[in-house]
C-alpha atoms as a PDB file:
ATOM      1  CA  MET A   1     -55.109 -82.329 -14.604  1.00  0.00           C
ATOM      2  CA  GLU A   2     -58.404 -83.885 -15.601  1.00  0.00           C
ATOM      3  CA  ASP A   3     -59.439 -87.027 -13.774  1.00  0.00           C
ATOM      4  CA  LYS A   4     -59.869 -90.308 -15.660  1.00  0.00           C
ATOM      5  CA  GLN A   5     -63.677 -90.088 -15.765  1.00  0.00           C
ATOM      6  CA  ALA A   6     -63.606 -86.606 -17.296  1.00  0.00           C
ATOM      7  CA  LEU A   7     -61.054 -87.760 -19.883  1.00  0.00           C
ATOM      8  CA  LYS A   8     -63.178 -90.800 -20.748  1.00  0.00           C
ATOM      9  CA  ALA A   9     -66.159 -88.527 -21.304  1.00  0.00           C
ATOM     10  CA  ARG A  10     -64.192 -86.037 -23.450  1.00  0.00           C
ATOM     11  CA  LEU A  11     -62.038 -88.363 -25.568  1.00  0.00           C
ATOM     12  CA  SER A  12     -63.103 -91.066 -28.005  1.00  0.00           C
ATOM     13  CA  ALA A  13     -62.700 -94.604 -26.671  1.00  0.00           C
ATOM     14  CA  GLU A  14     -59.713 -95.076 -29.015  1.00  0.00           C
ATOM     15  CA  SER A  15     -57.993 -91.842 -27.958  1.00  0.00           C
ATOM     16  CA  TYR A  16     -58.453 -92.760 -24.304  1.00  0.00           C
ATOM     17  CA  ARG A  17     -57.097 -96.295 -24.856  1.00  0.00           C
ATOM     18  CA  VAL A  18     -54.056 -95.000 -26.740  1.00  0.00           C
ATOM     19  CA  THR A  19     -53.133 -92.015 -24.553  1.00  0.00           C
ATOM     20  CA  GLN A  20     -54.062 -93.353 -21.109  1.00  0.00           C
ATOM     21  CA  GLU A  21     -53.608 -97.125 -21.465  1.00  0.00           C
ATOM     22  CA  ASN A  22     -50.545 -97.143 -23.768  1.00  0.00           C
ATOM     23  CA  GLY A  23     -52.544 -98.541 -26.670  1.00  0.00           C
ATOM     24  CA  THR A  24     -51.659 -98.647 -30.339  1.00  0.00           C
ATOM     25  CA  GLU A  25     -54.160 -98.073 -33.105  1.00  0.00           C
ATOM     26  CA  ALA A  26     -54.279-100.312 -36.159  1.00  0.00           C
ATOM     27  CA  PRO A  27     -51.845 -99.355 -38.933  1.00  0.00           C
ATOM     28  CA  PHE A  28     -53.069 -97.837 -42.215  1.00  0.00           C
ATOM     29  CA  THR A  29     -56.552 -97.192 -40.777  1.00  0.00           C
ATOM     30  CA  ASN A  30     -55.963 -94.062 -38.718  1.00  0.00           C
ATOM     31  CA  GLU A  31     -56.846 -90.451 -39.430  1.00  0.00           C
ATOM     32  CA  PHE A  32     -53.422 -88.906 -40.067  1.00  0.00           C
ATOM     33  CA  ASP A  33     -51.368 -91.686 -41.711  1.00  0.00           C
ATOM     34  CA  ASP A  34     -52.032 -90.442 -45.238  1.00  0.00           C
ATOM     35  CA  PHE A  35     -52.860 -86.836 -44.322  1.00  0.00           C
ATOM     36  CA  PHE A  36     -50.517 -84.054 -45.412  1.00  0.00           C
ATOM     37  CA  GLU A  37     -52.273 -80.720 -44.917  1.00  0.00           C
ATOM     38  CA  LYS A  38     -50.310 -77.775 -43.543  1.00  0.00           C
ATOM     39  CA  GLY A  39     -50.718 -77.365 -39.811  1.00  0.00           C
ATOM     40  CA  LEU A  40     -49.859 -78.213 -36.244  1.00  0.00           C
ATOM     41  CA  TYR A  41     -50.323 -81.518 -34.400  1.00  0.00           C
ATOM     42  CA  VAL A  42     -51.103 -81.146 -30.702  1.00  0.00           C
ATOM     43  CA  ASP A  43     -51.645 -83.592 -27.841  1.00  0.00           C
ATOM     44  CA  ILE A  44     -55.341 -84.498 -27.910  1.00  0.00           C
ATOM     45  CA  VAL A  45     -55.402 -84.520 -24.095  1.00  0.00           C
ATOM     46  CA  SER A  46     -53.680 -81.228 -23.242  1.00  0.00           C
ATOM     47  CA  GLY A  47     -53.347 -79.292 -26.485  1.00  0.00           C
ATOM     48  CA  GLU A  48     -49.545 -79.192 -26.114  1.00  0.00           C
ATOM     49  CA  PRO A  49     -47.949 -78.432 -29.526  1.00  0.00           C
ATOM     50  CA  LEU A  50     -45.925 -81.482 -30.568  1.00  0.00           C
ATOM     51  CA  PHE A  51     -45.243 -81.722 -34.331  1.00  0.00           C
ATOM     52  CA  THR A  52     -45.759 -79.719 -37.519  1.00  0.00           C
ATOM     53  CA  SER A  53     -46.682 -80.831 -41.007  1.00  0.00           C
ATOM     54  CA  GLU A  54     -43.270 -79.485 -42.078  1.00  0.00           C
ATOM     55  CA  ASP A  55     -41.623 -82.473 -40.373  1.00  0.00           C
ATOM     56  CA  LYS A  56     -44.208 -85.091 -41.385  1.00  0.00           C
ATOM     57  CA  TYR A  57     -43.374 -87.616 -44.094  1.00  0.00           C
ATOM     58  CA  ASN A  58     -44.733 -90.804 -45.603  1.00  0.00           C
ATOM     59  CA  SER A  59     -42.673 -93.541 -43.994  1.00  0.00           C
ATOM     60  CA  GLY A  60     -44.957 -96.362 -45.129  1.00  0.00           C
ATOM     61  CA  CYS A  61     -45.258 -97.622 -41.534  1.00  0.00           C
ATOM     62  CA  GLY A  62     -49.028 -97.127 -41.309  1.00  0.00           C
ATOM     63  CA  TRP A  63     -48.977 -94.318 -38.745  1.00  0.00           C
ATOM     64  CA  PRO A  64     -48.120 -90.636 -38.981  1.00  0.00           C
ATOM     65  CA  ALA A  65     -44.340 -90.235 -39.041  1.00  0.00           C
ATOM     66  CA  PHE A  66     -42.346 -87.129 -38.150  1.00  0.00           C
ATOM     67  CA  THR A  67     -38.604 -86.452 -38.297  1.00  0.00           C
ATOM     68  CA  LYS A  68     -38.644 -84.396 -35.105  1.00  0.00           C
ATOM     69  CA  PRO A  69     -40.889 -82.743 -32.535  1.00  0.00           C
ATOM     70  CA  ILE A  70     -41.295 -78.965 -32.446  1.00  0.00           C
ATOM     71  CA  ASP A  71     -39.406 -78.875 -29.146  1.00  0.00           C
ATOM     72  CA  ARG A  72     -37.781 -81.938 -27.608  1.00  0.00           C
ATOM     73  CA  LYS A  73     -38.597 -80.463 -24.188  1.00  0.00           C
ATOM     74  CA  GLN A  74     -42.306 -81.089 -24.895  1.00  0.00           C
ATOM     75  CA  ILE A  75     -41.848 -84.858 -25.089  1.00  0.00           C
ATOM     76  CA  GLN A  76     -40.463 -87.585 -22.876  1.00  0.00           C
ATOM     77  CA  GLU A  77     -38.734 -90.682 -24.155  1.00  0.00           C
ATOM     78  CA  LYS A  78     -38.894 -93.883 -22.103  1.00  0.00           C
ATOM     79  CA  ARG A  79     -37.501 -97.358 -22.562  1.00  0.00           C
ATOM     80  CA  ASP A  80     -40.274 -99.755 -23.613  1.00  0.00           C
ATOM     81  CA  GLN A  81     -39.754-103.506 -23.442  1.00  0.00           C
ATOM     82  CA  SER A  82     -43.395-104.474 -23.929  1.00  0.00           C
ATOM     83  CA  HIS A  83     -44.521-107.005 -26.531  1.00  0.00           C
ATOM     84  CA  GLY A  84     -41.111-108.699 -26.490  1.00  0.00           C
ATOM     85  CA  MET A  85     -39.438-105.737 -28.200  1.00  0.00           C
ATOM     86  CA  GLU A  86     -36.894-103.095 -27.253  1.00  0.00           C
ATOM     87  CA  ARG A  87     -38.285 -99.696 -28.235  1.00  0.00           C
ATOM     88  CA  VAL A  88     -38.325 -96.065 -27.133  1.00  0.00           C
ATOM     89  CA  GLU A  89     -41.757 -94.809 -26.145  1.00  0.00           C
ATOM     90  CA  VAL A  90     -42.709 -91.177 -26.766  1.00  0.00           C
ATOM     91  CA  ARG A  91     -44.993 -89.377 -24.285  1.00  0.00           C
ATOM     92  CA  SER A  92     -46.133 -85.783 -24.035  1.00  0.00           C
ATOM     93  CA  LYS A  93     -44.390 -83.911 -21.246  1.00  0.00           C
ATOM     94  CA  GLY A  94     -47.295 -82.018 -19.712  1.00  0.00           C
ATOM     95  CA  ALA A  95     -50.144 -84.539 -19.927  1.00  0.00           C
ATOM     96  CA  ASP A  96     -47.986 -87.698 -19.924  1.00  0.00           C
ATOM     97  CA  SER A  97     -50.020 -89.008 -22.874  1.00  0.00           C
ATOM     98  CA  HIS A  98     -48.714 -92.069 -24.673  1.00  0.00           C
ATOM     99  CA  LEU A  99     -48.054 -90.865 -28.234  1.00  0.00           C
ATOM    100  CA  GLY A 100     -46.155 -93.680 -29.931  1.00  0.00           C
ATOM    101  CA  HIS A 101     -42.500 -94.614 -30.410  1.00  0.00           C
ATOM    102  CA  VAL A 102     -39.329 -93.204 -31.950  1.00  0.00           C
ATOM    103  CA  PHE A 103     -37.082 -95.303 -34.186  1.00  0.00           C
ATOM    104  CA  THR A 104     -33.692 -94.705 -35.793  1.00  0.00           C
ATOM    105  CA  ASP A 105     -34.736 -95.665 -39.335  1.00  0.00           C
ATOM    106  CA  GLY A 106     -35.938 -92.224 -40.448  1.00  0.00           C
ATOM    107  CA  PRO A 107     -34.548 -90.054 -43.253  1.00  0.00           C
ATOM    108  CA  ALA A 108     -30.783 -89.707 -42.772  1.00  0.00           C
ATOM    109  CA  ALA A 109     -30.779 -86.169 -44.166  1.00  0.00           C
ATOM    110  CA  GLU A 110     -33.245 -85.154 -41.435  1.00  0.00           C
ATOM    111  CA  GLY A 111     -31.359 -86.700 -38.509  1.00  0.00           C
ATOM    112  CA  GLY A 112     -32.365 -90.328 -38.977  1.00  0.00           C
ATOM    113  CA  LEU A 113     -35.297 -90.412 -36.553  1.00  0.00           C
ATOM    114  CA  ARG A 114     -38.849 -91.583 -37.200  1.00  0.00           C
ATOM    115  CA  TYR A 115     -41.395 -90.512 -34.634  1.00  0.00           C
ATOM    116  CA  CYS A 116     -44.159 -93.040 -35.271  1.00  0.00           C
ATOM    117  CA  ILE A 117     -47.190 -91.473 -33.583  1.00  0.00           C
ATOM    118  CA  ASN A 118     -50.754 -92.679 -33.089  1.00  0.00           C
ATOM    119  CA  SER A 119     -53.341 -90.455 -34.800  1.00  0.00           C
ATOM    120  CA  ALA A 120     -55.634 -91.065 -31.820  1.00  0.00           C
ATOM    121  CA  ALA A 121     -53.140 -89.168 -29.621  1.00  0.00           C
ATOM    122  CA  LEU A 122     -53.201 -86.089 -31.849  1.00  0.00           C
ATOM    123  CA  ARG A 123     -55.460 -83.227 -32.799  1.00  0.00           C
ATOM    124  CA  PHE A 124     -54.684 -81.370 -36.007  1.00  0.00           C
ATOM    125  CA  VAL A 125     -54.876 -77.577 -36.123  1.00  0.00           C
ATOM    126  CA  PRO A 126     -54.899 -76.291 -39.726  1.00  0.00           C
ATOM    127  CA  PHE A 127     -52.336 -73.565 -40.462  1.00  0.00           C
ATOM    128  CA  GLU A 128     -55.066 -71.016 -41.225  1.00  0.00           C
ATOM    129  CA  ASN A 129     -56.586 -71.606 -37.751  1.00  0.00           C
ATOM    130  CA  LEU A 130     -53.402 -71.256 -35.687  1.00  0.00           C
ATOM    131  CA  GLU A 131     -54.117 -67.688 -34.565  1.00  0.00           C
ATOM    132  CA  LYS A 132     -57.802 -68.339 -33.876  1.00  0.00           C
ATOM    133  CA  GLU A 133     -57.012 -71.418 -31.743  1.00  0.00           C
ATOM    134  CA  GLY A 134     -54.236 -69.735 -29.742  1.00  0.00           C
ATOM    135  CA  TYR A 135     -51.228 -71.210 -31.560  1.00  0.00           C
ATOM    136  CA  GLY A 136     -50.194 -68.115 -33.546  1.00  0.00           C
ATOM    137  CA  GLU A 137     -46.686 -68.191 -32.104  1.00  0.00           C
ATOM    138  CA  TYR A 138     -46.055 -71.408 -34.066  1.00  0.00           C
ATOM    139  CA  LYS A 139     -46.596 -69.816 -37.494  1.00  0.00           C
ATOM    140  CA  ASP A 140     -42.827 -69.278 -37.798  1.00  0.00           C
ATOM    141  CA  ASN A 141     -42.349 -73.066 -37.823  1.00  0.00           C
ATOM    142  CA  PHE A 142     -43.773 -73.186 -41.365  1.00  0.00           C
ATOM    143  CA  ASN A 143     -42.267 -72.296 -44.744  1.00  0.00           C
END
């Protein structure tokens, strides 16, 4: 695992604050809120595959929203009582990056969950680049 100084040098200040210091980016101003290209979303720290565009939807919350992760084993969910609220935090399993939160107000037909994820915690890999970037095995996750 990279040390904190190496991460600070590699990540943007915002990505570091979000993933390493449990930050939250401003709503409606982030890279992937209103972004719907076909591809894979990976942890910006480790490159772990987390979500696909197939499960992304416009929830109106101001952050990218997904109905489910690619594999629930790749994420951790933790109780979060910060900011005077009761929430469930979502972290990546391998890098322990803070990603965002999961709520139960998502589309009922898709299981009812809304993974509200910070864009600053994600890197997008376009579908046409999956093979080239080493994510070819995830092509089957797309229609």
